[in-house]
Amino acid sequence: MFGPETPTGKFKHAASITELAGGDLYLVFYSGASEYAGDTAVYGARFRKSESRWSEARLIAKDPFHPLGNAVVWQAPDGPVWLFYVVRCGEGWGTSRIHAKISEDGAGTWSDSTVLAFAEGTMVRNRPIVRERH
């Protein structure tokens, strides 16, 4: 969907897609000069059901001091859209920590980033599993 012609960076990796409540699809991926480049950031794009096409990829998460990776997008049953991704605090993935952003308007705008896991070496790759409350 997004190749070298897309100006997010030469490298694009670890895409995740979810269907939003209105039927649109939302895709996230991280991109930069390479997998370990210091400029990697998270981008998102929407496939509008009504238009049958993808929007341009737009920046949704970036850290000026650390590279990002492995983005996952998920819409919770109660409505908010969650973006999970890792921030690499050192040279390798073993220094990663999980961060999150939330959108209350169907992936239109995003909250500031929050840290979900402070332990180094934590990664994310799949959506959460929702369990019934008892």
Protein backbone atom coordinates (compact mmCIF):
# COMPACT_ATOMS: atom_id res chain seq x y z
CA MET A 1 0.00 0.00 0.00
CA PHE A 2 2.82 2.39 0.85
CA GLY A 3 6.09 1.89 -0.98
CA PRO A 4 9.27 3.88 -1.46
CA GLU A 5 7.31 6.68 -3.14
CA THR A 6 5.59 7.46 0.19
CA PRO A 7 7.65 10.18 1.94
CA THR A 8 7.62 8.61 5.43
CA GLY A 9 11.05 7.04 4.93
CA LYS A 10 12.58 4.29 2.82
CA PHE A 11 11.83 1.59 5.40
CA LYS A 12 8.24 0.63 6.38
CA HIS A 13 7.57 -2.20 8.81
CA ALA A 14 5.28 -3.96 11.28
CA ALA A 15 1.91 -2.84 9.93
CA SER A 16 -1.29 -3.34 11.89
CA ILE A 17 -4.82 -2.78 10.66
CA THR A 18 -8.22 -2.56 12.34
CA GLU A 19 -11.78 -1.98 11.25
CA LEU A 20 -13.26 1.11 12.89
CA ALA A 21 -16.84 1.33 14.14
CA GLY A 22 -18.06 3.13 11.00
CA GLY A 23 -16.60 0.52 8.66
CA ASP A 24 -13.42 2.39 7.65
CA LEU A 25 -10.10 0.57 7.94
CA TYR A 26 -7.19 2.16 9.81
CA LEU A 27 -3.58 1.10 9.22
CA VAL A 28 -0.47 1.95 11.25
CA PHE A 29 3.20 1.24 10.56
CA TYR A 30 6.58 2.55 11.57
CA SER A 31 8.92 4.06 9.04
CA GLY A 32 12.31 5.72 8.71
CA ALA A 33 15.65 5.36 6.95
CA SER A 34 16.04 1.75 8.24
CA GLU A 35 14.73 -0.54 11.00
CA TYR A 36 17.29 0.76 13.51
CA ALA A 37 17.47 4.35 12.28
CA GLY A 38 17.05 7.13 14.82
CA ASP A 39 14.33 8.78 12.71
CA THR A 40 11.71 6.01 12.87
CA ALA A 41 8.20 7.20 13.70
CA VAL A 42 4.64 5.84 13.56
CA TYR A 43 2.30 6.72 10.70
CA GLY A 44 -1.38 6.04 10.12
CA ALA A 45 -3.69 5.95 7.09
CA ARG A 46 -7.43 5.45 6.67
CA PHE A 47 -9.28 3.48 4.00
CA ARG A 48 -12.59 5.27 3.77
CA LYS A 49 -15.37 2.86 2.97
CA SER A 50 -17.30 5.64 1.25
CA GLU A 51 -14.38 6.58 -1.04
CA SER A 52 -12.77 3.15 -1.62
CA ARG A 53 -9.24 4.52 -1.28
CA TRP A 54 -6.45 5.03 1.25
CA SER A 55 -5.66 8.46 2.62
CA GLU A 56 -2.09 9.70 2.64
CA ALA A 57 -0.03 8.33 5.52
CA ARG A 58 0.31 10.90 8.29
CA LEU A 59 2.60 11.11 11.30
CA ILE A 60 0.87 10.10 14.54
CA ALA A 61 3.78 9.36 16.94
CA LYS A 62 7.38 10.58 17.06
CA ASP A 63 9.96 10.97 19.81
CA PRO A 64 12.69 13.57 19.18
CA PHE A 65 15.22 11.53 21.22
CA HIS A 66 14.39 7.86 20.51
CA PRO A 67 13.31 5.70 17.57
CA LEU A 68 9.86 4.06 17.55
CA GLY A 69 8.68 0.67 16.30
CA ASN A 70 6.04 -2.09 16.16
CA ALA A 71 2.81 -0.12 16.06
CA VAL A 72 -0.54 -1.79 16.79
CA VAL A 73 -3.95 -0.14 16.38
CA TRP A 74 -7.15 -1.36 18.04
CA GLN A 75 -10.63 0.01 18.68
CA ALA A 76 -11.93 -0.89 22.12
CA PRO A 77 -15.50 -2.18 22.49
CA ASP A 78 -16.45 1.05 24.29
CA GLY A 79 -15.22 3.22 21.38
CA PRO A 80 -11.74 4.70 21.89
CA VAL A 81 -9.09 3.78 19.33
CA TRP A 82 -5.79 2.78 20.92
CA LEU A 83 -2.33 3.04 19.37
CA PHE A 84 0.33 0.88 21.02
CA TYR A 85 3.99 1.13 19.95
CA VAL A 86 7.47 0.74 21.36
CA VAL A 87 10.09 3.38 22.05
CA ARG A 88 13.65 2.05 21.80
CA CYS A 89 15.68 3.68 24.57
CA GLY A 90 19.04 2.20 23.50
CA GLU A 91 20.75 0.37 20.66
CA GLY A 92 18.53 -2.73 20.36
CA TRP A 93 14.96 -3.89 20.83
CA GLY A 94 15.89 -5.18 24.30
CA THR A 95 15.75 -1.55 25.49
CA SER A 96 12.16 -0.99 24.28
CA ARG A 97 9.23 0.20 26.38
CA ILE A 98 5.56 0.14 25.39
CA HIS A 99 3.83 3.49 24.89
CA ALA A 100 0.23 4.29 23.93
CA LYS A 101 -1.95 7.05 22.52
CA ILE A 102 -5.76 7.20 22.49
CA SER A 103 -8.15 8.69 19.96
CA GLU A 104 -11.66 9.59 21.09
CA ASP A 105 -12.74 10.63 17.57
CA GLY A 106 -12.19 7.49 15.51
CA ALA A 107 -8.45 7.95 14.80
CA GLY A 108 -8.85 11.57 13.74
CA THR A 109 -6.72 13.08 16.51
CA TRP A 110 -4.52 11.44 19.12
CA SER A 111 -3.70 12.08 22.78
CA ASP A 112 -0.22 12.71 24.06
CA SER A 113 1.88 9.59 24.56
CA THR A 114 1.84 7.66 27.81
CA VAL A 115 4.16 4.86 28.96
CA LEU A 116 2.37 1.53 29.56
CA ALA A 117 5.38 -0.59 30.51
CA PHE A 118 8.53 0.85 32.08
CA ALA A 119 10.45 -2.46 32.10
CA GLU A 120 13.08 -2.52 29.37
CA GLY A 121 12.61 -5.19 26.73
CA THR A 122 8.82 -5.07 26.60
CA MET A 123 7.35 -5.25 23.11
CA VAL A 124 3.92 -5.13 21.48
CA ARG A 125 2.79 -6.87 18.30
CA ASN A 126 -0.90 -7.79 18.69
CA ARG A 127 -4.14 -6.29 19.92
CA PRO A 128 -5.25 -6.76 23.53
CA ILE A 129 -7.56 -9.62 24.42
CA VAL A 130 -10.81 -8.36 25.92
CA ARG A 131 -12.23 -10.54 28.69
CA GLU A 132 -15.68 -10.38 30.16
CA ARG A 133 -16.06 -8.67 33.50
CA HIS A 134 -17.54 -10.70 36.31
